[in-house]
Amino acid sequence: MIIIVSSSGREAATLAAICEQHHWPTQACTSILDLSKLMGKAQPRTVIMRQRLADGYSDDVFCMFK
């Protein structure tokens, strides 16, 4: 599972489409608060954060390994 965090719906949709072409399941959200909620449910392997989020985070990729 890949979670895309972006305040731009168009960017999130583009990144999700690229991931889905590779058959990588994705979910998108718009803030760190929403990401926190998804983390408990989805247990993603990768999180992509896009620049200019309302709460100040930008351009990071986090990979989680079990």
N, C-alpha and C. Protein backbone atom coordinates (compact mmCIF):
# COMPACT_ATOMS: atom_id res chain seq x y z
N MET A 1 0.84 -1.18 0.00
CA MET A 1 0.00 0.00 0.00
C MET A 1 0.89 1.24 0.00
N ILE A 2 0.57 2.20 -0.84
CA ILE A 2 1.24 3.49 -0.91
C ILE A 2 0.22 4.56 -0.56
N ILE A 3 0.58 5.45 0.37
CA ILE A 3 -0.29 6.58 0.69
C ILE A 3 0.34 7.83 0.10
N ILE A 4 -0.45 8.58 -0.65
CA ILE A 4 -0.02 9.83 -1.26
C ILE A 4 -0.64 10.97 -0.47
N VAL A 5 0.19 11.86 0.06
CA VAL A 5 -0.29 13.00 0.83
C VAL A 5 -0.03 14.25 0.00
N SER A 6 -1.10 14.88 -0.48
CA SER A 6 -0.95 16.06 -1.32
C SER A 6 -2.16 16.95 -1.15
N SER A 7 -1.92 18.26 -1.08
CA SER A 7 -3.05 19.19 -0.99
C SER A 7 -3.61 19.51 -2.37
N SER A 8 -2.97 19.00 -3.42
CA SER A 8 -3.45 19.18 -4.79
C SER A 8 -4.09 17.89 -5.27
N GLY A 9 -5.38 17.94 -5.50
CA GLY A 9 -6.10 16.75 -5.97
C GLY A 9 -5.57 16.24 -7.31
N ARG A 10 -5.20 17.16 -8.17
CA ARG A 10 -4.70 16.77 -9.49
C ARG A 10 -3.36 16.04 -9.38
N GLU A 11 -2.46 16.55 -8.55
CA GLU A 11 -1.18 15.87 -8.34
C GLU A 11 -1.38 14.49 -7.73
N ALA A 12 -2.24 14.41 -6.74
CA ALA A 12 -2.50 13.12 -6.09
C ALA A 12 -3.06 12.12 -7.09
N ALA A 13 -3.97 12.57 -7.93
CA ALA A 13 -4.57 11.68 -8.94
C ALA A 13 -3.52 11.21 -9.95
N THR A 14 -2.61 12.10 -10.33
CA THR A 14 -1.56 11.73 -11.28
C THR A 14 -0.62 10.70 -10.67
N LEU A 15 -0.17 10.95 -9.44
CA LEU A 15 0.70 9.99 -8.76
C LEU A 15 0.00 8.65 -8.55
N ALA A 16 -1.27 8.69 -8.18
CA ALA A 16 -2.03 7.45 -7.98
C ALA A 16 -2.16 6.68 -9.29
N ALA A 17 -2.39 7.38 -10.40
CA ALA A 17 -2.51 6.71 -11.71
C ALA A 17 -1.21 6.02 -12.10
N ILE A 18 -0.08 6.69 -11.84
CA ILE A 18 1.22 6.08 -12.13
C ILE A 18 1.40 4.81 -11.31
N CYS A 19 1.08 4.89 -10.03
CA CYS A 19 1.21 3.71 -9.16
C CYS A 19 0.30 2.58 -9.60
N GLU A 20 -0.92 2.93 -9.95
CA GLU A 20 -1.89 1.90 -10.34
C GLU A 20 -1.52 1.24 -11.66
N GLN A 21 -0.79 1.95 -12.54
CA GLN A 21 -0.30 1.33 -13.77
C GLN A 21 0.65 0.18 -13.46
N HIS A 22 1.31 0.27 -12.32
CA HIS A 22 2.24 -0.78 -11.88
C HIS A 22 1.57 -1.76 -10.92
N HIS A 23 0.27 -1.62 -10.76
CA HIS A 23 -0.53 -2.49 -9.88
C HIS A 23 -0.13 -2.34 -8.42
N TRP A 24 0.26 -1.12 -8.04
CA TRP A 24 0.58 -0.81 -6.65
C TRP A 24 -0.64 -0.15 -6.03
N PRO A 25 -1.28 -0.74 -5.04
CA PRO A 25 -2.47 -0.13 -4.44
C PRO A 25 -2.11 1.18 -3.73
N THR A 26 -2.97 2.18 -3.89
CA THR A 26 -2.72 3.49 -3.30
C THR A 26 -3.96 4.04 -2.61
N GLN A 27 -3.71 4.97 -1.70
CA GLN A 27 -4.76 5.80 -1.11
C GLN A 27 -4.19 7.20 -1.06
N ALA A 28 -5.06 8.21 -1.16
CA ALA A 28 -4.61 9.59 -1.11
C ALA A 28 -5.29 10.32 0.04
N CYS A 29 -4.57 11.29 0.60
CA CYS A 29 -5.14 12.17 1.61
C CYS A 29 -4.49 13.54 1.48
N THR A 30 -4.99 14.54 2.22
CA THR A 30 -4.56 15.91 2.00
C THR A 30 -3.82 16.55 3.17
N SER A 31 -3.66 15.84 4.28
CA SER A 31 -2.99 16.45 5.43
C SER A 31 -2.32 15.37 6.29
N ILE A 32 -1.45 15.84 7.18
CA ILE A 32 -0.79 14.93 8.10
C ILE A 32 -1.79 14.32 9.07
N LEU A 33 -2.81 15.06 9.44
CA LEU A 33 -3.86 14.52 10.31
C LEU A 33 -4.55 13.35 9.62
N ASP A 34 -4.90 13.52 8.35
CA ASP A 34 -5.52 12.41 7.59
C ASP A 34 -4.55 11.23 7.45
N LEU A 35 -3.27 11.54 7.25
CA LEU A 35 -2.27 10.48 7.16
C LEU A 35 -2.23 9.67 8.45
N SER A 36 -2.26 10.35 9.59
CA SER A 36 -2.24 9.66 10.88
C SER A 36 -3.41 8.70 11.01
N LYS A 37 -4.57 9.11 10.54
CA LYS A 37 -5.75 8.24 10.61
C LYS A 37 -5.59 7.03 9.70
N LEU A 38 -5.04 7.25 8.49
CA LEU A 38 -4.86 6.15 7.55
C LEU A 38 -3.78 5.17 8.00
N MET A 39 -2.76 5.67 8.67
CA MET A 39 -1.66 4.81 9.10
C MET A 39 -2.14 3.67 9.99
N GLY A 40 -3.10 3.95 10.83
CA GLY A 40 -3.62 2.91 11.71
C GLY A 40 -4.44 1.87 10.98
N LYS A 41 -5.05 2.26 9.87
CA LYS A 41 -5.92 1.34 9.13
C LYS A 41 -5.18 0.62 7.99
N ALA A 42 -4.39 1.37 7.22
CA ALA A 42 -3.85 0.84 5.98
C ALA A 42 -2.50 0.15 6.13
N GLN A 43 -1.69 0.54 7.11
CA GLN A 43 -0.34 0.03 7.28
C GLN A 43 0.43 0.04 5.97
N PRO A 44 0.70 1.23 5.44
CA PRO A 44 1.36 1.33 4.13
C PRO A 44 2.82 0.94 4.19
N ARG A 45 3.38 0.58 3.06
CA ARG A 45 4.81 0.32 2.94
C ARG A 45 5.55 1.59 2.55
N THR A 46 4.86 2.51 1.86
CA THR A 46 5.48 3.76 1.39
C THR A 46 4.50 4.91 1.53
N VAL A 47 5.01 6.07 1.92
CA VAL A 47 4.22 7.30 1.99
C VAL A 47 4.93 8.35 1.14
N ILE A 48 4.21 8.96 0.22
CA ILE A 48 4.75 10.04 -0.61
C ILE A 48 4.06 11.33 -0.19
N MET A 49 4.85 12.31 0.26
CA MET A 49 4.28 13.60 0.64
C MET A 49 4.70 14.66 -0.36
N ARG A 50 3.75 15.41 -0.84
CA ARG A 50 3.99 16.43 -1.85
C ARG A 50 4.10 17.79 -1.21
N GLN A 51 4.76 18.71 -1.87
CA GLN A 51 5.04 20.04 -1.32
C GLN A 51 3.78 20.86 -1.07
N ARG A 52 3.94 21.87 -0.25
CA ARG A 52 2.92 22.86 0.07
C ARG A 52 1.69 22.30 0.78
N LEU A 53 1.89 21.36 1.65
CA LEU A 53 0.77 20.90 2.46
C LEU A 53 0.40 22.01 3.44
N ALA A 54 -0.85 22.08 3.80
CA ALA A 54 -1.34 23.14 4.67
C ALA A 54 -0.63 23.15 6.03
N ASP A 55 -0.18 21.97 6.49
CA ASP A 55 0.46 21.92 7.80
C ASP A 55 1.99 21.94 7.72
N GLY A 56 2.56 22.34 6.57
CA GLY A 56 3.96 22.67 6.50
C GLY A 56 4.94 21.60 6.03
N TYR A 57 4.50 20.39 5.78
CA TYR A 57 5.42 19.35 5.34
C TYR A 57 5.58 19.41 3.82
N SER A 58 6.70 18.86 3.32
CA SER A 58 6.90 18.92 1.87
C SER A 58 7.84 17.84 1.36
N ASP A 59 7.59 17.39 0.15
CA ASP A 59 8.44 16.52 -0.66
C ASP A 59 9.27 15.50 0.12
N ASP A 60 8.62 14.54 0.70
CA ASP A 60 9.31 13.47 1.39
C ASP A 60 8.74 12.13 0.96
N VAL A 61 9.59 11.12 0.95
CA VAL A 61 9.16 9.74 0.71
C VAL A 61 9.63 8.93 1.90
N PHE A 62 8.72 8.22 2.51
CA PHE A 62 9.04 7.37 3.65
C PHE A 62 8.76 5.93 3.25
N CYS A 63 9.70 5.06 3.51
CA CYS A 63 9.49 3.63 3.26
C CYS A 63 9.48 2.91 4.61
N MET A 64 8.48 2.13 4.83
CA MET A 64 8.38 1.37 6.06
C MET A 64 8.58 -0.12 5.77
N PHE A 65 9.40 -0.76 6.56
CA PHE A 65 9.65 -2.17 6.37
C PHE A 65 9.29 -2.91 7.65
N LYS A 66 8.73 -4.08 7.48
CA LYS A 66 8.37 -4.89 8.63
C LYS A 66 9.47 -5.88 8.91
